[in-house]
Amino acid sequence: MREDLLHYIWKNGKIPLSNLYTSRRKSLQIISLGIHNHDAGPDFLHAKLEIDGQLWFGNVEIHVKSSDWYVHQHHTDTNYDNVILHVVWEADAVVYRKNKEEIPALELINYIPLTILTNYYNLFGSRKAKFINCEKEISLTNDFKFSIWLERLYIERLEEKSNEINSLLVETNNNWEKVLFLLLLKNFGLKLNGDAFLSLGKAMEFDIVRKLTHNVFQLESLLFGLSGLLNNASSTDKFLIQMQSEYSFLRNKYNIRENSVQCPSFFRLRPVNFPTIRLSQLANLYGRQPQLFGKIITTKEVDHFYEIFSISAGTYWKTHYVFGKLSPKRENKLTKSFINLLLINTILPLIFCYSKWQGIDVSAKIISLLHKLNREDNKITRKFKNFGVRCGNAMNSQALLQLYNSYCTKNRCMECVVGDSLLKGK
C-alpha cells in the first residue's frame, strides 16, 4: 500500500462519509474533508468531523500505518497538535497528542471499495519494467479530458521555466534585455554548451553588447575571445589574427576578465552546432535586431518570429566551421527547427513571464502559437506515439515531456487524469 493512494481516496471522498467507526469503535461522520496541504504540516487542513456525537474542527494526517506517526517524529512537532483524526490503512499503534490525549484513527482497510484497490494494483502491481505505468491504457483516456490535461501540463511547464527566468531577473536587477541575451546564449549552446555559453553571458556587462551591436565583427570578436575560442597563438589564419587583435583591444577597453567563463566543447557535435557557428549567428542576430527584446514582446505571429530569427553566421563561416580549415560553402543559417527550439525554450516562456509580471494573462496566446509549431521529435514523444498518444504540435510534445518527467517517472499517477480515470474504472 502507498500513501498517495490513501491521499487520493480521502481527497476525492472515495469512502462513505457517514456510518463510519474509528479503530476504537466510536461513531464518525465526515462533514468536510479539509484542504489538501502540499507544504509542511498535516496532510489536510480545516477538516470538520463529528466523532461520537461531538463536533471537531482541525487537521487530518494520513499514513499507511499509525506507527508512522512516531517514525516521522510528529509527536515532537507542534504543527501536528491540532490533528483531530489519523487516517491510516492499518492501525498498528495508538497515537497520542503531546497532552497525552489519544488521537482517533480511521482504518481505511475496512472502507476502501474493492474496485479501487483492484484498479490500483493493476496500475502499479506489475514487476515488469515499463516506460510508464499506464502504457496499455493511456490511449483509451477520454480525448477531451486528456487535451485539457495536456494544456494544464504545459502551463505547469511554463511556470517551471519561469523559475529560471525569475532567478536571472534577480541576478540582473530586473534587466529583461540581459535575461533574454542570457537565455538565448544558453539555448544557442544547446545541451552540451548551454552552461558554457551562459557563463560567457554572465561574465560581461550587457551594456557592452548594446554598444557593439552596430559592429558585428567587434561583437563576434568579444564573444569568441571571452569564450576562449581565439586562444591559438601559432595560427596564420588572417581572420583569426584580426579577431585576436580586436578582442585584445576590447578586453583592455572594457576591462574584461575571463576567469569565470567555461570553455565550450566541440566534442560529438555536428559542425552546424559548433560553438563557432552558434556564437557567430548570435552576434549577427543582435547586429540585425539591436532592439530584440521589444520586438519579440510585441510579435504575435509565428511567421514574424521566423523573420526575426532569419539570420546566418558571418561571411567567414560560410566556408569554415573552425579557424583555418576550409569546408564546403553553405549559409549556416538558423533552420526553422532550431528557431522552433528557441521559441519553445526561450521566447515564449519569456513572453509568459514578462506578461505575468505586468499582470497580463497570455496563456491562451502562447498555447495558440505553440499549436502552430511542429512537435518535438525525441525518444519520449516517440514512445508516447507508440502507445497511441497523438502528438500533433509543440504544445502536445511539451506537455508530454512534462507528464513523463514530473508525473510518470515519479509515480504521481494519482494526480494525473489518466491515473484518475483508471482508478475510477472509466
Protein backbone atom coordinates (compact mmCIF):
# COMPACT_ATOMS: atom_id res chain seq x y z
CA MET A 1 0.00 0.00 0.00
CA ARG A 2 1.19 3.50 -0.89
CA GLU A 3 0.35 6.66 0.97
CA ASP A 4 -0.53 8.55 -2.22
CA LEU A 5 -3.48 6.20 -2.78
CA LEU A 6 -4.78 6.99 0.71
CA HIS A 7 -4.40 10.72 -0.06
CA TYR A 8 -6.33 10.21 -3.29
CA ILE A 9 -9.13 8.30 -1.56
CA TRP A 10 -9.52 10.87 1.21
CA LYS A 11 -9.26 13.92 -1.06
CA ASN A 12 -11.83 12.59 -3.52
CA GLY A 13 -14.22 11.19 -0.92
CA LYS A 14 -13.93 7.61 -2.15
CA ILE A 15 -15.16 6.23 1.17
CA PRO A 16 -18.56 6.65 2.85
CA LEU A 17 -18.78 9.98 4.69
CA SER A 18 -21.16 8.69 7.35
CA ASN A 19 -21.76 5.48 9.32
CA LEU A 20 -18.03 5.17 9.91
CA TYR A 21 -16.25 3.98 13.04
CA THR A 22 -12.83 4.75 14.45
CA SER A 23 -10.46 1.96 15.45
CA ARG A 24 -11.90 2.31 18.97
CA ARG A 25 -15.44 1.81 17.59
CA LYS A 26 -16.53 5.40 18.08
CA SER A 27 -19.03 6.67 15.52
CA LEU A 28 -17.58 9.00 12.88
CA GLN A 29 -19.21 11.32 10.36
CA ILE A 30 -17.15 13.38 7.88
CA ILE A 31 -18.70 16.79 7.32
CA SER A 32 -15.74 18.35 5.48
CA LEU A 33 -12.64 16.52 4.23
CA GLY A 34 -10.48 19.64 4.54
CA ILE A 35 -8.00 21.26 2.18
CA HIS A 36 -5.07 19.28 0.78
CA ASN A 37 -1.86 20.73 2.20
CA HIS A 38 1.22 20.47 -0.07
CA ASP A 39 3.53 22.24 2.37
CA ALA A 40 4.92 21.24 5.76
CA GLY A 41 2.45 20.07 8.38
CA PRO A 42 -0.63 17.83 8.37
CA ASP A 43 -1.90 16.47 5.05
CA PHE A 44 -5.37 18.06 5.16
CA LEU A 45 -6.25 21.31 6.91
CA HIS A 46 -9.53 22.69 8.29
CA ALA A 47 -11.49 19.44 8.29
CA LYS A 48 -14.84 19.18 10.09
CA LEU A 49 -15.86 15.90 11.73
CA GLU A 50 -18.34 14.53 14.21
CA ILE A 51 -16.83 11.86 16.47
CA ASP A 52 -19.04 10.06 18.95
CA GLY A 53 -21.58 12.89 18.76
CA GLN A 54 -19.01 15.68 19.33
CA LEU A 55 -18.12 18.22 16.63
CA TRP A 56 -14.43 18.68 15.80
CA PHE A 57 -12.61 21.26 13.68
CA GLY A 58 -8.95 20.69 12.83
CA ASN A 59 -6.48 18.83 10.66
CA VAL A 60 -6.15 15.30 9.30
CA GLU A 61 -2.94 13.31 8.94
CA ILE A 62 -2.64 10.26 6.68
CA HIS A 63 -0.22 7.33 6.98
CA VAL A 64 -0.02 3.73 5.82
CA LYS A 65 0.44 2.58 9.42
CA SER A 66 -0.47 4.55 12.52
CA SER A 67 3.01 3.83 13.95
CA ASP A 68 4.41 6.04 11.15
CA TRP A 69 3.32 8.96 13.33
CA TYR A 70 6.28 8.22 15.58
CA VAL A 71 8.59 7.19 12.75
CA HIS A 72 8.07 10.65 11.21
CA GLN A 73 8.55 12.35 14.59
CA HIS A 74 5.15 14.06 14.51
CA HIS A 75 4.83 13.62 18.27
CA THR A 76 7.61 16.22 18.68
CA ASP A 77 6.27 18.70 16.10
CA THR A 78 3.83 21.39 17.24
CA ASN A 79 2.43 21.63 13.69
CA TYR A 80 0.56 18.39 14.45
CA ASP A 81 -1.01 19.45 17.77
CA ASN A 82 -4.31 20.21 16.06
CA VAL A 83 -4.73 16.85 14.29
CA ILE A 84 -8.24 15.58 15.05
CA LEU A 85 -8.15 12.36 13.00
CA HIS A 86 -5.41 9.95 11.98
CA VAL A 87 -6.39 8.25 8.69
CA VAL A 88 -4.45 5.03 8.13
CA TRP A 89 -4.51 1.81 6.16
CA GLU A 90 -3.64 -0.21 9.25
CA ALA A 91 -3.99 0.91 12.88
CA ASP A 92 -0.99 -0.89 14.40
CA ALA A 93 -0.39 1.54 17.27
CA VAL A 94 -2.22 4.02 19.45
CA VAL A 95 -1.14 7.63 18.83
CA TYR A 96 -1.24 10.41 21.41
CA ARG A 97 -1.01 14.18 21.34
CA LYS A 98 1.54 15.97 23.49
CA ASN A 99 -1.08 16.36 26.24
CA LYS A 100 -1.44 12.57 26.29
CA GLU A 101 -4.86 12.63 24.61
CA GLU A 102 -5.41 9.81 22.16
CA ILE A 103 -5.88 10.82 18.52
CA PRO A 104 -8.79 8.90 16.94
CA ALA A 105 -7.81 6.69 13.99
CA LEU A 106 -9.85 5.72 10.94
CA GLU A 107 -8.67 2.42 9.48
CA LEU A 108 -9.34 2.61 5.71
CA ILE A 109 -8.74 -1.08 5.12
CA ASN A 110 -12.34 -1.58 6.18
CA TYR A 111 -13.86 1.04 3.88
CA ILE A 112 -11.97 1.32 0.58
CA PRO A 113 -14.03 -0.07 -2.35
CA LEU A 114 -12.58 -3.26 -3.81
CA THR A 115 -12.78 -1.86 -7.36
CA ILE A 116 -10.36 0.97 -6.48
CA LEU A 117 -7.89 -1.47 -4.92
CA THR A 118 -8.11 -3.76 -7.95
CA ASN A 119 -7.57 -0.91 -10.39
CA TYR A 120 -4.74 0.42 -8.24
CA TYR A 121 -2.86 -2.87 -8.25
CA ASN A 122 -3.43 -3.24 -11.98
CA LEU A 123 -1.74 0.13 -12.40
CA PHE A 124 1.20 -0.39 -10.04
CA GLY A 125 1.32 -4.11 -9.41
CA SER A 126 3.33 -5.36 -12.40
CA ARG A 127 7.01 -6.01 -11.73
CA LYS A 128 7.80 -5.86 -15.43
CA ALA A 129 9.82 -2.79 -16.37
CA LYS A 130 7.63 -0.22 -18.11
CA PHE A 131 8.15 3.12 -19.77
CA ILE A 132 5.02 4.36 -17.96
CA ASN A 133 2.58 2.52 -15.68
CA CYS A 134 -0.43 3.07 -17.94
CA GLU A 135 1.20 2.36 -21.30
CA LYS A 136 -1.54 -0.10 -22.31
CA GLU A 137 -4.41 2.14 -21.24
CA ILE A 138 -3.33 5.75 -21.86
CA SER A 139 -4.71 5.87 -25.42
CA LEU A 140 -8.16 4.93 -24.08
CA THR A 141 -8.47 8.09 -21.97
CA ASN A 142 -11.29 10.45 -22.90
CA ASP A 143 -9.91 12.74 -25.64
CA PHE A 144 -11.46 15.92 -24.25
CA LYS A 145 -10.23 15.32 -20.71
CA PHE A 146 -6.78 14.40 -21.96
CA SER A 147 -6.49 17.52 -24.16
CA ILE A 148 -7.45 19.76 -21.20
CA TRP A 149 -4.90 17.90 -19.07
CA LEU A 150 -2.17 18.50 -21.66
CA GLU A 151 -2.88 22.23 -21.62
CA ARG A 152 -2.62 22.25 -17.83
CA LEU A 153 0.65 20.32 -18.03
CA TYR A 154 2.08 22.82 -20.50
CA ILE A 155 1.16 25.79 -18.27
CA GLU A 156 2.81 23.92 -15.39
CA ARG A 157 5.92 23.55 -17.55
CA LEU A 158 5.84 27.28 -18.33
CA GLU A 159 5.66 28.05 -14.62
CA GLU A 160 8.73 25.87 -14.02
CA LYS A 161 10.63 27.61 -16.81
CA SER A 162 9.65 30.90 -15.18
CA ASN A 163 11.67 29.92 -12.11
CA GLU A 164 14.92 30.13 -14.10
CA ILE A 165 13.84 33.44 -15.63
CA ASN A 166 12.97 34.87 -12.21
CA SER A 167 16.36 33.79 -10.85
CA LEU A 168 18.12 35.56 -13.72
CA LEU A 169 15.98 38.65 -13.12
CA VAL A 170 17.21 38.74 -9.53
CA GLU A 171 20.82 38.41 -10.70
CA THR A 172 20.42 41.20 -13.28
CA ASN A 173 18.32 43.63 -11.21
CA ASN A 174 15.26 43.05 -13.44
CA ASN A 175 17.13 43.70 -16.68
CA TRP A 176 14.80 41.91 -19.10
CA GLU A 177 17.03 42.58 -22.12
CA LYS A 178 20.02 40.95 -20.45
CA VAL A 179 17.88 38.00 -19.32
CA LEU A 180 16.85 37.47 -22.94
CA PHE A 181 20.51 37.61 -24.00
CA LEU A 182 21.49 35.06 -21.34
CA LEU A 183 18.66 32.70 -22.23
CA LEU A 184 19.47 32.92 -25.94
CA LEU A 185 23.11 32.20 -25.23
CA LYS A 186 22.16 29.13 -23.19
CA ASN A 187 19.84 27.84 -25.91
CA PHE A 188 22.26 28.59 -28.75
CA GLY A 189 24.70 26.40 -26.81
CA LEU A 190 22.17 23.54 -26.75
CA LYS A 191 22.61 20.79 -24.18
CA LEU A 192 26.38 20.38 -24.48
CA ASN A 193 27.45 24.04 -24.39
CA GLY A 194 24.44 25.67 -22.73
CA ASP A 195 26.15 26.21 -19.38
CA ALA A 196 29.39 27.37 -21.01
CA PHE A 197 27.56 29.93 -23.15
CA LEU A 198 25.57 31.08 -20.11
CA SER A 199 28.80 31.65 -18.16
CA LEU A 200 30.03 33.72 -21.11
CA GLY A 201 26.97 35.98 -20.89
CA LYS A 202 27.30 36.40 -17.13
CA ALA A 203 30.95 37.41 -17.47
CA MET A 204 30.22 40.57 -19.48
CA GLU A 205 28.12 43.67 -18.95
CA PHE A 206 25.13 43.74 -21.27
CA ASP A 207 25.79 47.45 -21.88
CA ILE A 208 28.89 46.37 -23.81
CA VAL A 209 26.76 44.14 -26.02
CA ARG A 210 24.43 47.09 -26.69
CA LYS A 211 27.36 49.29 -27.70
CA LEU A 212 28.72 46.68 -30.10
CA THR A 213 25.51 45.78 -31.94
CA HIS A 214 26.40 48.35 -34.62
CA ASN A 215 29.65 46.44 -35.32
CA VAL A 216 29.07 42.67 -35.65
CA PHE A 217 32.77 41.94 -36.09
CA GLN A 218 33.53 43.53 -32.72
CA LEU A 219 30.68 41.71 -31.00
CA GLU A 220 31.72 38.42 -32.56
CA SER A 221 35.34 39.01 -31.52
CA LEU A 222 34.21 39.70 -27.96
CA LEU A 223 32.13 36.51 -27.76
CA PHE A 224 34.83 34.36 -29.33
CA GLY A 225 37.64 35.85 -27.25
CA LEU A 226 35.85 35.68 -23.92
CA SER A 227 34.88 32.05 -24.54
CA GLY A 228 38.49 31.06 -25.28
CA LEU A 229 37.97 30.27 -28.97
CA LEU A 230 40.76 32.65 -30.06
CA ASN A 231 43.49 31.00 -27.97
CA ASN A 232 45.75 29.89 -30.83
CA ALA A 233 48.91 31.94 -30.98
CA SER A 234 50.57 29.86 -33.74
CA SER A 235 47.81 30.15 -36.35
CA THR A 236 48.41 32.08 -39.58
CA ASP A 237 44.71 32.41 -40.37
CA LYS A 238 44.16 36.11 -41.16
CA PHE A 239 40.60 36.23 -39.85
CA LEU A 240 41.66 34.68 -36.55
CA ILE A 241 44.53 37.14 -36.21
CA GLN A 242 42.17 40.07 -36.88
CA MET A 243 39.78 38.75 -34.25
CA GLN A 244 42.59 38.28 -31.73
CA SER A 245 43.70 41.88 -32.25
CA GLU A 246 40.15 43.21 -31.95
CA TYR A 247 39.46 41.20 -28.81
CA SER A 248 42.69 42.41 -27.20
CA PHE A 249 41.56 45.99 -27.85
CA LEU A 250 38.04 45.37 -26.45
CA ARG A 251 39.37 43.43 -23.47
CA ASN A 252 41.56 46.34 -22.40
CA LYS A 253 38.95 48.99 -23.23
CA TYR A 254 36.20 47.38 -21.15
CA ASN A 255 38.44 45.75 -18.51
CA ILE A 256 37.08 42.27 -19.29
CA ARG A 257 38.26 39.18 -17.39
CA GLU A 258 37.71 35.56 -18.47
CA ASN A 259 38.17 33.89 -15.07
CA SER A 260 34.61 32.58 -14.65
CA VAL A 261 33.95 31.56 -18.27
CA GLN A 262 33.75 27.88 -19.19
CA CYS A 263 35.37 26.86 -22.45
CA PRO A 264 32.78 25.45 -24.91
CA SER A 265 33.26 21.99 -26.40
CA PHE A 266 33.25 20.70 -30.00
CA PHE A 267 33.15 17.05 -28.93
CA ARG A 268 30.48 14.90 -30.63
CA LEU A 269 28.74 17.92 -32.15
CA ARG A 270 27.61 18.19 -35.74
CA PRO A 271 29.52 21.03 -37.45
CA VAL A 272 26.36 23.19 -37.73
CA ASN A 273 26.23 23.17 -33.90
CA PHE A 274 29.89 24.05 -33.37
CA PRO A 275 30.26 26.92 -30.88
CA THR A 276 31.97 28.99 -33.60
CA ILE A 277 28.86 28.84 -35.79
CA ARG A 278 26.35 29.40 -32.99
CA LEU A 279 28.18 32.40 -31.49
CA SER A 280 28.55 33.99 -34.92
CA GLN A 281 24.83 33.52 -35.53
CA LEU A 282 24.00 35.14 -32.19
CA ALA A 283 26.29 38.10 -32.90
CA ASN A 284 24.62 38.59 -36.28
CA LEU A 285 21.18 38.34 -34.67
CA TYR A 286 21.95 41.26 -32.35
CA GLY A 287 23.63 43.14 -35.18
CA ARG A 288 20.44 42.88 -37.20
CA GLN A 289 17.99 43.22 -34.27
CA PRO A 290 19.55 45.60 -31.69
CA GLN A 291 16.11 46.13 -30.08
CA LEU A 292 15.41 42.41 -29.93
CA PHE A 293 13.54 42.29 -26.63
CA GLY A 294 11.00 44.94 -27.59
CA LYS A 295 10.45 43.26 -30.92
CA ILE A 296 9.73 39.78 -29.60
CA ILE A 297 7.42 41.06 -26.87
CA THR A 298 5.19 42.76 -29.43
CA THR A 299 5.30 39.99 -32.07
CA LYS A 300 2.09 37.99 -32.36
CA GLU A 301 2.52 35.67 -35.35
CA VAL A 302 4.79 32.65 -35.78
CA ASP A 303 5.83 33.77 -39.28
CA HIS A 304 7.03 37.09 -37.86
CA PHE A 305 9.19 35.25 -35.34
CA TYR A 306 10.71 33.30 -38.21
CA GLU A 307 11.52 36.61 -39.93
CA ILE A 308 13.20 37.99 -36.79
CA PHE A 309 15.42 34.93 -36.43
CA SER A 310 16.14 34.51 -40.12
CA ILE A 311 19.88 35.11 -39.77
CA SER A 312 23.12 33.41 -40.77
CA ALA A 313 26.62 33.16 -39.40
CA GLY A 314 29.19 35.67 -40.69
CA THR A 315 30.76 35.52 -44.16
CA TYR A 316 33.89 33.70 -42.95
CA TRP A 317 31.75 30.91 -41.53
CA LYS A 318 30.15 30.18 -44.88
CA THR A 319 33.34 28.33 -45.80
CA HIS A 320 34.64 27.39 -42.33
CA TYR A 321 33.48 25.57 -39.23
CA VAL A 322 36.75 26.15 -37.35
CA PHE A 323 39.54 28.65 -37.88
CA GLY A 324 41.97 27.96 -40.69
CA LYS A 325 40.22 24.95 -42.22
CA LEU A 326 38.12 25.31 -45.38
CA SER A 327 34.82 23.46 -45.68
CA PRO A 328 32.18 23.24 -48.44
CA LYS A 329 30.31 26.51 -48.82
CA ARG A 330 26.97 26.80 -47.03
CA GLU A 331 24.88 29.58 -45.48
CA ASN A 332 24.94 28.26 -41.89
CA LYS A 333 21.56 29.88 -41.44
CA LEU A 334 19.28 29.25 -38.48
CA THR A 335 16.92 26.45 -39.50
CA LYS A 336 13.20 26.53 -38.82
CA SER A 337 13.58 23.60 -36.41
CA PHE A 338 16.24 25.48 -34.43
CA ILE A 339 14.08 28.61 -34.34
CA ASN A 340 11.24 26.43 -33.03
CA LEU A 341 13.51 25.33 -30.17
CA LEU A 342 14.28 28.97 -29.39
CA LEU A 343 10.58 29.81 -29.38
CA ILE A 344 9.70 26.83 -27.18
CA ASN A 345 12.54 27.12 -24.66
CA THR A 346 13.29 30.85 -24.57
CA ILE A 347 10.97 33.26 -26.35
CA LEU A 348 7.52 32.03 -25.31
CA PRO A 349 8.49 31.37 -21.66
CA LEU A 350 9.98 34.87 -21.51
CA ILE A 351 6.83 36.43 -23.01
CA PHE A 352 4.76 34.46 -20.49
CA CYS A 353 6.90 35.63 -17.58
CA TYR A 354 7.05 39.27 -18.71
CA SER A 355 3.29 39.43 -19.28
CA LYS A 356 2.66 37.86 -15.88
CA TRP A 357 4.96 40.49 -14.35
CA GLN A 358 2.74 43.10 -16.00
CA GLY A 359 -0.40 41.43 -14.70
CA ILE A 360 -1.49 40.18 -18.14
CA ASP A 361 -2.56 36.59 -18.84
CA VAL A 362 -1.23 35.47 -22.23
CA SER A 363 -1.59 31.71 -21.67
CA ALA A 364 -4.15 31.33 -24.46
CA LYS A 365 -1.97 33.32 -26.88
CA ILE A 366 1.08 31.19 -26.15
CA ILE A 367 -0.84 27.92 -26.45
CA SER A 368 -2.24 29.15 -29.77
CA LEU A 369 1.28 29.91 -31.05
CA LEU A 370 2.55 26.50 -29.94
CA HIS A 371 -0.25 24.78 -31.82
CA LYS A 372 1.31 26.25 -34.98
CA LEU A 373 4.77 24.79 -34.27
CA ASN A 374 5.80 21.28 -35.24
CA ARG A 375 6.02 18.78 -32.41
CA GLU A 376 9.42 17.90 -30.98
CA ASP A 377 10.78 14.55 -32.04
CA ASN A 378 12.65 12.76 -29.27
CA LYS A 379 12.65 9.36 -27.58
CA ILE A 380 9.95 10.38 -25.10
CA THR A 381 7.47 11.70 -27.68
CA ARG A 382 8.18 8.69 -29.89
CA LYS A 383 7.40 6.32 -27.00
CA PHE A 384 4.08 8.05 -26.33
CA LYS A 385 3.30 7.81 -30.04
CA ASN A 386 3.93 4.06 -29.90
CA PHE A 387 1.27 3.83 -27.19
CA GLY A 388 -1.29 5.57 -29.38
CA VAL A 389 -0.98 9.09 -27.94
CA ARG A 390 -1.44 11.73 -30.63
CA CYS A 391 1.15 14.49 -30.60
CA GLY A 392 0.39 16.92 -33.40
CA ASN A 393 2.16 20.09 -32.29
CA ALA A 394 4.73 21.61 -29.95
CA MET A 395 2.20 22.23 -27.18
CA ASN A 396 1.45 18.50 -27.09
CA SER A 397 5.12 17.49 -27.11
CA GLN A 398 5.99 19.96 -24.33
CA ALA A 399 3.07 18.72 -22.26
CA LEU A 400 4.08 15.08 -22.77
CA LEU A 401 7.62 15.88 -21.63
CA GLN A 402 6.16 17.46 -18.51
CA LEU A 403 3.87 14.47 -17.99
CA TYR A 404 6.70 11.98 -18.30
CA ASN A 405 9.35 13.83 -16.27
CA SER A 406 7.15 15.21 -13.50
CA TYR A 407 4.48 12.53 -13.16
CA CYS A 408 5.22 9.20 -14.86
CA THR A 409 8.80 8.81 -13.65
CA LYS A 410 7.75 9.81 -10.12
CA ASN A 411 4.69 7.53 -10.00
CA ARG A 412 2.40 10.52 -9.45
CA CYS A 413 -0.42 8.65 -11.17
CA MET A 414 -2.95 9.71 -8.52
CA GLU A 415 -2.51 13.32 -9.67
CA CYS A 416 -2.90 12.53 -13.37
CA VAL A 417 -6.11 12.48 -15.42
CA VAL A 418 -5.14 9.09 -16.86
CA GLY A 419 -4.45 7.52 -13.46
CA ASP A 420 -7.63 9.02 -12.04
CA SER A 421 -9.69 7.54 -14.89
CA LEU A 422 -8.12 4.13 -14.43
CA LEU A 423 -8.78 4.12 -10.70
CA LYS A 424 -12.38 5.03 -11.31
CA GLY A 425 -12.61 2.29 -13.93
CA LYS A 426 -13.65 4.76 -16.64
